[in-house]
Amino acid sequence: MESRKLQFYTGEEDAGLRLDVWLTARLEDVTRSYAQKLINEGHVLVDDSVVKSGFKLKKGMTVNVQIPEPVSGEVKAQDIPLDVVYEDADIIVINKQKDMVVHPAAGNWDGTLVNALLNHCGDSLSDINGVIRPGIVHRIDKDTSGLLVVAKNNTSHLRLSEMLKRHEIVRTYEAIVDGVLKEDSGKIDAPIGRHPVNRLKMAVTFKNAKEAITHYSVLKRYPSHTWVRLRLETGRTHQIRVHMAYIGHPVTGDPLYGRKCSLMDTGGQVLHARYLEFLHPITGQPMCFEAQLPEYFKELTDLLEGWKSRG
């Protein structure tokens, strides 16, 4: 059984944090209980030593993590409805529903997009990312809806991955954000890394950060909100959510970077991956896809229109 090996180095911002809390923040889609299990079973070494979950980290430590792959059959095909926008022998484009995790993770093996893809595609998915992430080239957050492309073979996967690195896949989102944006359009060029205090979050920071660029344009203004279109130039974790919060206009309903929507229960951030454009990885043909706005998004815009007309 293959395993995934990771190595981290602690900085000043990590000093004093419990190992299990720090590890949960570092490993996306991993629960704290699973992080504790990894530590207790000796899969996590701090400076080559086995320690306990409550171990307090210091600056300059080396943390080695070995994550076992699930045994064969642990990630199962499940008959979950999929909104297939396009499919051929090499790729499949999915309109992911809100509240669906893209791939399984520790303690969450069921009900994911991967479970549904295994049922729909069988063995026709790339295996470059292992048994947990077959076909997955890029992700969108659980509570973000919309388009993503999946690779059905390794050649497509490698070429799509290279396109992502070269910024040749155009990903355009629409969102409702809090407050009224003054500018009709803009560019947010601010590096993103782990939050210096809350390790569960990302943040605009200049320490251990990566370049992050988001372009936005206003589609409609309401008395207390703005409907915006956003194009990713880079693809950092939570990029749109972090950038919009950074300029003072968090995505409406965002539980991590904003606040709960007072108008309705949005079930998380009101963010939809609406357009996806790229050259087909095999044929080179231009591909352009659109996912219509989902009901939760339209319900909120209807409410905002009502408030606007009454104002």
Protein backbone atom coordinates (compact mmCIF):
# COMPACT_ATOMS: atom_id res chain seq x y z
CA MET A 1 0.00 0.00 0.00
CA GLU A 2 1.46 3.33 -1.09
CA SER A 3 1.52 6.32 1.21
CA ARG A 4 1.83 10.07 0.80
CA LYS A 5 4.90 11.64 2.42
CA LEU A 6 5.01 15.33 3.33
CA GLN A 7 7.57 17.51 5.03
CA PHE A 8 7.00 20.86 6.74
CA TYR A 9 9.17 23.39 8.54
CA THR A 10 7.80 25.50 11.37
CA GLY A 11 8.17 29.26 11.52
CA GLU A 12 7.68 31.92 14.17
CA GLU A 13 3.93 31.93 13.58
CA ASP A 14 3.75 28.20 14.43
CA ALA A 15 5.51 28.46 17.81
CA GLY A 16 3.28 27.44 20.71
CA LEU A 17 0.64 25.67 18.60
CA ARG A 18 -0.46 22.14 19.46
CA LEU A 19 0.78 19.64 16.90
CA ASP A 20 -2.70 18.22 16.20
CA VAL A 21 -4.23 21.67 15.66
CA TRP A 22 -1.33 22.75 13.43
CA LEU A 23 -1.45 19.52 11.40
CA THR A 24 -5.20 19.80 10.83
CA ALA A 25 -4.68 23.27 9.37
CA ARG A 26 -1.78 22.14 7.20
CA LEU A 27 -3.50 19.09 5.74
CA GLU A 28 -6.61 20.12 3.85
CA ASP A 29 -9.66 17.88 4.16
CA VAL A 30 -8.26 16.15 7.24
CA THR A 31 -10.20 16.21 10.50
CA ARG A 32 -8.54 16.88 13.83
CA SER A 33 -9.42 13.38 15.05
CA TYR A 34 -7.66 11.86 12.04
CA ALA A 35 -4.64 14.11 12.60
CA GLN A 36 -4.50 12.81 16.17
CA LYS A 37 -4.74 9.24 14.86
CA LEU A 38 -1.78 9.84 12.55
CA ILE A 39 0.24 11.29 15.43
CA ASN A 40 -0.69 8.52 17.88
CA GLU A 41 0.16 5.79 15.37
CA GLY A 42 3.62 7.24 14.76
CA HIS A 43 3.00 8.58 11.25
CA VAL A 44 4.09 12.06 12.32
CA LEU A 45 7.67 12.77 13.39
CA VAL A 46 8.89 16.07 14.82
CA ASP A 47 12.65 16.38 14.41
CA ASP A 48 12.68 12.59 13.81
CA SER A 49 10.94 11.86 17.12
CA VAL A 50 7.48 10.48 17.90
CA VAL A 51 5.53 12.96 20.03
CA LYS A 52 2.00 13.32 21.43
CA SER A 53 -0.91 15.22 19.90
CA GLY A 54 -0.61 18.00 22.47
CA PHE A 55 3.07 18.60 21.75
CA LYS A 56 3.80 22.34 21.46
CA LEU A 57 5.76 23.31 18.39
CA LYS A 58 8.74 25.63 18.28
CA LYS A 59 10.27 27.66 15.46
CA GLY A 60 12.69 25.76 13.25
CA MET A 61 11.31 22.25 13.68
CA THR A 62 10.97 19.70 10.88
CA VAL A 63 7.69 17.80 10.73
CA ASN A 64 7.52 14.67 8.58
CA VAL A 65 4.09 13.20 7.86
CA GLN A 66 3.25 9.88 6.24
CA ILE A 67 -0.39 9.51 5.21
CA PRO A 68 -1.40 5.96 4.31
CA GLU A 69 -3.48 5.54 1.19
CA PRO A 70 -6.83 3.86 1.85
CA VAL A 71 -6.89 0.14 1.20
CA SER A 72 -8.30 -1.00 -2.10
CA GLY A 73 -12.05 -0.61 -2.18
CA GLU A 74 -12.17 1.97 0.61
CA VAL A 75 -13.15 4.68 -1.88
CA LYS A 76 -16.26 3.20 -3.42
CA ALA A 77 -18.31 4.04 -6.47
CA GLN A 78 -21.66 5.50 -5.43
CA ASP A 79 -24.75 6.20 -7.50
CA ILE A 80 -24.85 9.95 -6.89
CA PRO A 81 -26.46 12.21 -9.52
CA LEU A 82 -23.96 14.19 -11.57
CA ASP A 83 -24.61 17.27 -13.70
CA VAL A 84 -22.43 16.37 -16.69
CA VAL A 85 -21.91 19.41 -18.90
CA TYR A 86 -19.60 17.71 -21.39
CA GLU A 87 -17.89 14.33 -21.79
CA ASP A 88 -15.66 12.56 -24.29
CA ALA A 89 -12.97 9.88 -24.12
CA ASP A 90 -10.44 12.23 -22.51
CA ILE A 91 -12.23 14.68 -20.22
CA ILE A 92 -15.48 15.22 -18.37
CA VAL A 93 -16.76 18.64 -17.28
CA ILE A 94 -18.97 18.67 -14.21
CA ASN A 95 -21.26 21.33 -12.74
CA LYS A 96 -20.68 20.53 -9.06
CA GLN A 97 -23.55 21.13 -6.69
CA LYS A 98 -23.15 23.11 -3.51
CA ASP A 99 -22.37 21.11 -0.36
CA MET A 100 -20.42 18.42 -2.21
CA VAL A 101 -16.79 17.69 -1.32
CA VAL A 102 -14.63 17.06 -4.39
CA HIS A 103 -12.63 14.08 -3.14
CA PRO A 104 -12.63 11.73 -0.12
CA ALA A 105 -10.48 12.44 2.89
CA ALA A 106 -9.93 10.92 6.28
CA GLY A 107 -13.26 10.36 7.98
CA ASN A 108 -15.20 11.41 4.87
CA TRP A 109 -15.14 8.59 2.33
CA ASP A 110 -18.71 8.86 1.05
CA GLY A 111 -20.85 11.27 -0.93
CA THR A 112 -18.01 13.05 -2.72
CA LEU A 113 -17.62 13.97 -6.37
CA VAL A 114 -15.00 11.22 -6.71
CA ASN A 115 -17.47 8.60 -5.43
CA ALA A 116 -19.91 9.77 -8.09
CA LEU A 117 -17.25 9.83 -10.82
CA LEU A 118 -16.16 6.27 -10.03
CA ASN A 119 -19.75 5.17 -10.56
CA HIS A 120 -20.14 7.18 -13.77
CA CYS A 121 -16.72 6.55 -15.36
CA GLY A 122 -15.60 3.24 -13.86
CA ASP A 123 -11.89 2.75 -14.52
CA SER A 124 -11.81 5.57 -17.08
CA LEU A 125 -10.16 8.16 -14.82
CA SER A 126 -6.54 9.24 -14.55
CA ASP A 127 -4.63 7.69 -11.64
CA ILE A 128 -1.82 10.24 -11.30
CA ASN A 129 -3.22 11.56 -8.01
CA GLY A 130 -3.75 8.10 -6.50
CA VAL A 131 -6.90 6.27 -5.45
CA ILE A 132 -8.30 9.17 -3.40
CA ARG A 133 -8.26 11.73 -6.22
CA PRO A 134 -8.72 9.87 -9.53
CA GLY A 135 -9.15 12.33 -12.37
CA ILE A 136 -9.00 15.40 -10.15
CA VAL A 137 -6.96 18.17 -11.78
CA HIS A 138 -8.28 21.14 -9.77
CA ARG A 139 -10.80 21.63 -6.99
CA ILE A 140 -13.49 23.99 -5.82
CA ASP A 141 -14.53 24.29 -2.20
CA LYS A 142 -17.33 22.20 -0.73
CA ASP A 143 -19.80 25.11 -0.50
CA THR A 144 -18.82 26.60 -3.87
CA SER A 145 -20.85 25.38 -6.82
CA GLY A 146 -19.99 25.23 -10.50
CA LEU A 147 -17.63 23.96 -13.17
CA LEU A 148 -14.53 21.83 -12.99
CA VAL A 149 -12.79 19.61 -15.53
CA VAL A 150 -11.81 16.02 -14.74
CA ALA A 151 -9.21 13.97 -16.61
CA LYS A 152 -10.18 10.52 -17.87
CA ASN A 153 -6.62 9.43 -18.67
CA ASN A 154 -3.09 10.33 -17.61
CA THR A 155 -2.17 12.13 -20.83
CA SER A 156 -5.11 14.51 -20.41
CA HIS A 157 -4.30 14.95 -16.73
CA LEU A 158 -0.67 15.92 -17.35
CA ARG A 159 -1.56 18.36 -20.12
CA LEU A 160 -4.37 19.99 -18.11
CA SER A 161 -2.03 20.34 -15.13
CA GLU A 162 0.53 22.10 -17.31
CA MET A 163 -2.18 24.41 -18.64
CA LEU A 164 -3.10 25.33 -15.08
CA LYS A 165 0.51 26.13 -14.25
CA ARG A 166 0.77 28.34 -17.35
CA HIS A 167 -2.56 30.06 -16.51
CA GLU A 168 -4.07 28.75 -19.76
CA ILE A 169 -7.30 27.54 -18.15
CA VAL A 170 -9.65 30.48 -17.67
CA ARG A 171 -11.84 30.10 -14.58
CA THR A 172 -14.50 32.75 -14.09
CA TYR A 173 -16.75 32.92 -11.04
CA GLU A 174 -19.74 34.97 -9.98
CA ALA A 175 -20.44 35.93 -6.38
CA ILE A 176 -22.51 38.13 -4.14
CA VAL A 177 -20.28 40.10 -1.78
CA ASP A 178 -21.04 42.21 1.26
CA GLY A 179 -21.02 45.97 0.83
CA VAL A 180 -21.08 48.14 -2.29
CA LEU A 181 -17.95 48.15 -4.43
CA LYS A 182 -17.07 51.65 -5.62
CA GLU A 183 -14.92 50.70 -8.60
CA ASP A 184 -16.51 49.04 -11.63
CA SER A 185 -13.53 46.72 -12.01
CA GLY A 186 -10.19 46.02 -10.43
CA LYS A 187 -7.25 43.71 -9.91
CA ILE A 188 -6.29 42.26 -6.54
CA ASP A 189 -2.60 41.38 -6.53
CA ALA A 190 -1.83 40.15 -3.01
CA PRO A 191 0.11 37.02 -1.96
CA ILE A 192 -1.69 34.32 0.00
CA GLY A 193 -0.37 32.00 2.70
CA ARG A 194 -1.46 30.51 6.00
CA HIS A 195 -3.03 32.94 8.45
CA PRO A 196 -0.37 33.90 11.02
CA VAL A 197 -2.68 33.28 14.00
CA ASN A 198 -5.62 31.14 12.87
CA ARG A 199 -4.00 28.22 11.06
CA LEU A 200 -7.36 27.02 9.78
CA LYS A 201 -7.52 30.04 7.48
CA MET A 202 -5.56 31.48 4.60
CA ALA A 203 -4.68 35.16 4.50
CA VAL A 204 -2.97 37.88 2.53
CA THR A 205 0.53 37.75 3.98
CA PHE A 206 4.11 38.26 2.87
CA LYS A 207 5.50 35.36 4.91
CA ASN A 208 5.68 31.93 3.28
CA ALA A 209 3.13 33.12 0.72
CA LYS A 210 2.54 32.54 -2.98
CA GLU A 211 1.58 35.02 -5.67
CA ALA A 212 -2.18 35.40 -6.01
CA ILE A 213 -4.03 37.55 -8.56
CA THR A 214 -7.80 37.98 -8.92
CA HIS A 215 -9.60 40.23 -11.41
CA TYR A 216 -13.12 41.47 -10.64
CA SER A 217 -15.86 43.44 -12.35
CA VAL A 218 -19.20 44.65 -11.01
CA LEU A 219 -22.32 43.16 -12.57
CA LYS A 220 -24.89 44.82 -10.31
CA ARG A 221 -25.04 46.93 -7.18
CA TYR A 222 -27.62 46.61 -4.42
CA PRO A 223 -28.05 48.84 -1.34
CA SER A 224 -25.85 46.62 0.82
CA HIS A 225 -24.36 44.04 -1.55
CA THR A 226 -22.66 43.71 -4.94
CA TRP A 227 -22.94 41.06 -7.62
CA VAL A 228 -19.47 40.54 -9.09
CA ARG A 229 -17.69 38.50 -11.73
CA LEU A 230 -14.23 37.22 -10.79
CA ARG A 231 -11.47 35.73 -12.90
CA LEU A 232 -8.63 33.77 -11.37
CA GLU A 233 -5.16 34.41 -12.74
CA THR A 234 -3.70 32.07 -10.10
CA GLY A 235 -5.39 29.31 -8.12
CA ARG A 236 -4.52 29.49 -4.43
CA THR A 237 -6.55 27.85 -1.68
CA HIS A 238 -9.64 29.98 -0.92
CA GLN A 239 -8.23 32.69 -3.21
CA ILE A 240 -11.43 34.54 -4.09
CA ARG A 241 -12.74 34.33 -0.55
CA VAL A 242 -9.48 35.64 0.93
CA HIS A 243 -9.03 38.41 -1.62
CA MET A 244 -12.58 39.75 -1.34
CA ALA A 245 -12.36 39.76 2.45
CA TYR A 246 -8.98 41.52 2.14
CA ILE A 247 -10.52 44.47 0.24
CA GLY A 248 -13.38 44.68 2.75
CA HIS A 249 -16.06 42.89 0.72
CA PRO A 250 -16.21 39.25 1.87
CA VAL A 251 -18.30 36.79 -0.11
CA THR A 252 -21.80 36.83 1.37
CA GLY A 253 -22.47 33.91 3.69
CA ASP A 254 -18.80 32.90 3.94
CA PRO A 255 -18.49 31.17 7.33
CA LEU A 256 -14.69 31.46 7.45
CA TYR A 257 -13.86 34.88 6.01
CA GLY A 258 -17.15 36.76 6.27
CA ARG A 259 -20.36 36.51 8.21
CA LYS A 260 -23.64 34.65 7.98
CA CYS A 261 -26.12 36.18 5.54
CA SER A 262 -28.97 37.87 7.44
CA LEU A 263 -31.38 37.69 4.49
CA MET A 264 -31.47 33.90 4.07
CA ASP A 265 -29.60 30.71 4.90
CA THR A 266 -27.13 30.49 2.02
CA GLY A 267 -25.48 27.31 3.28
CA GLY A 268 -22.08 28.94 2.99
CA GLN A 269 -20.47 31.37 0.57
CA VAL A 270 -22.51 32.58 -2.42
CA LEU A 271 -19.87 31.71 -4.99
CA HIS A 272 -20.36 29.93 -8.31
CA ALA A 273 -17.78 28.78 -10.87
CA ARG A 274 -19.75 29.92 -13.90
CA TYR A 275 -17.38 29.78 -16.89
CA LEU A 276 -14.54 27.46 -17.83
CA GLU A 277 -12.37 27.92 -20.93
CA PHE A 278 -9.38 25.91 -22.16
CA LEU A 279 -7.94 24.11 -25.17
CA HIS A 280 -8.83 20.44 -25.30
CA PRO A 281 -5.77 18.56 -23.93
CA ILE A 282 -5.75 16.07 -26.82
CA THR A 283 -7.32 17.75 -29.85
CA GLY A 284 -6.36 21.36 -29.09
CA GLN A 285 -9.92 22.46 -29.86
CA PRO A 286 -11.11 25.56 -27.94
CA MET A 287 -13.59 24.56 -25.23
CA CYS A 288 -15.91 26.99 -23.46
CA PHE A 289 -18.51 26.00 -20.87
CA GLU A 290 -21.09 27.82 -18.80
CA ALA A 291 -23.04 26.66 -15.72
CA GLN A 292 -26.22 28.62 -15.14
CA LEU A 293 -26.69 30.22 -11.74
CA PRO A 294 -28.01 27.73 -9.16
CA GLU A 295 -31.22 28.27 -7.22
CA TYR A 296 -29.56 29.42 -3.98
CA PHE A 297 -27.81 32.19 -5.91
CA LYS A 298 -30.93 33.30 -7.77
CA GLU A 299 -32.98 33.22 -4.56
CA LEU A 300 -30.59 35.68 -2.94
CA THR A 301 -30.52 38.02 -5.97
CA ASP A 302 -34.34 38.00 -5.98
CA LEU A 303 -34.33 39.00 -2.30
CA LEU A 304 -31.81 41.75 -2.99
CA GLU A 305 -33.89 43.02 -5.91
CA GLY A 306 -36.88 43.20 -3.56
CA TRP A 307 -34.90 45.21 -1.03
CA LYS A 308 -33.65 47.49 -3.81
CA SER A 309 -37.15 48.19 -5.15
CA ARG A 310 -38.43 48.97 -1.66
CA GLY A 311 -35.52 51.31 -1.07
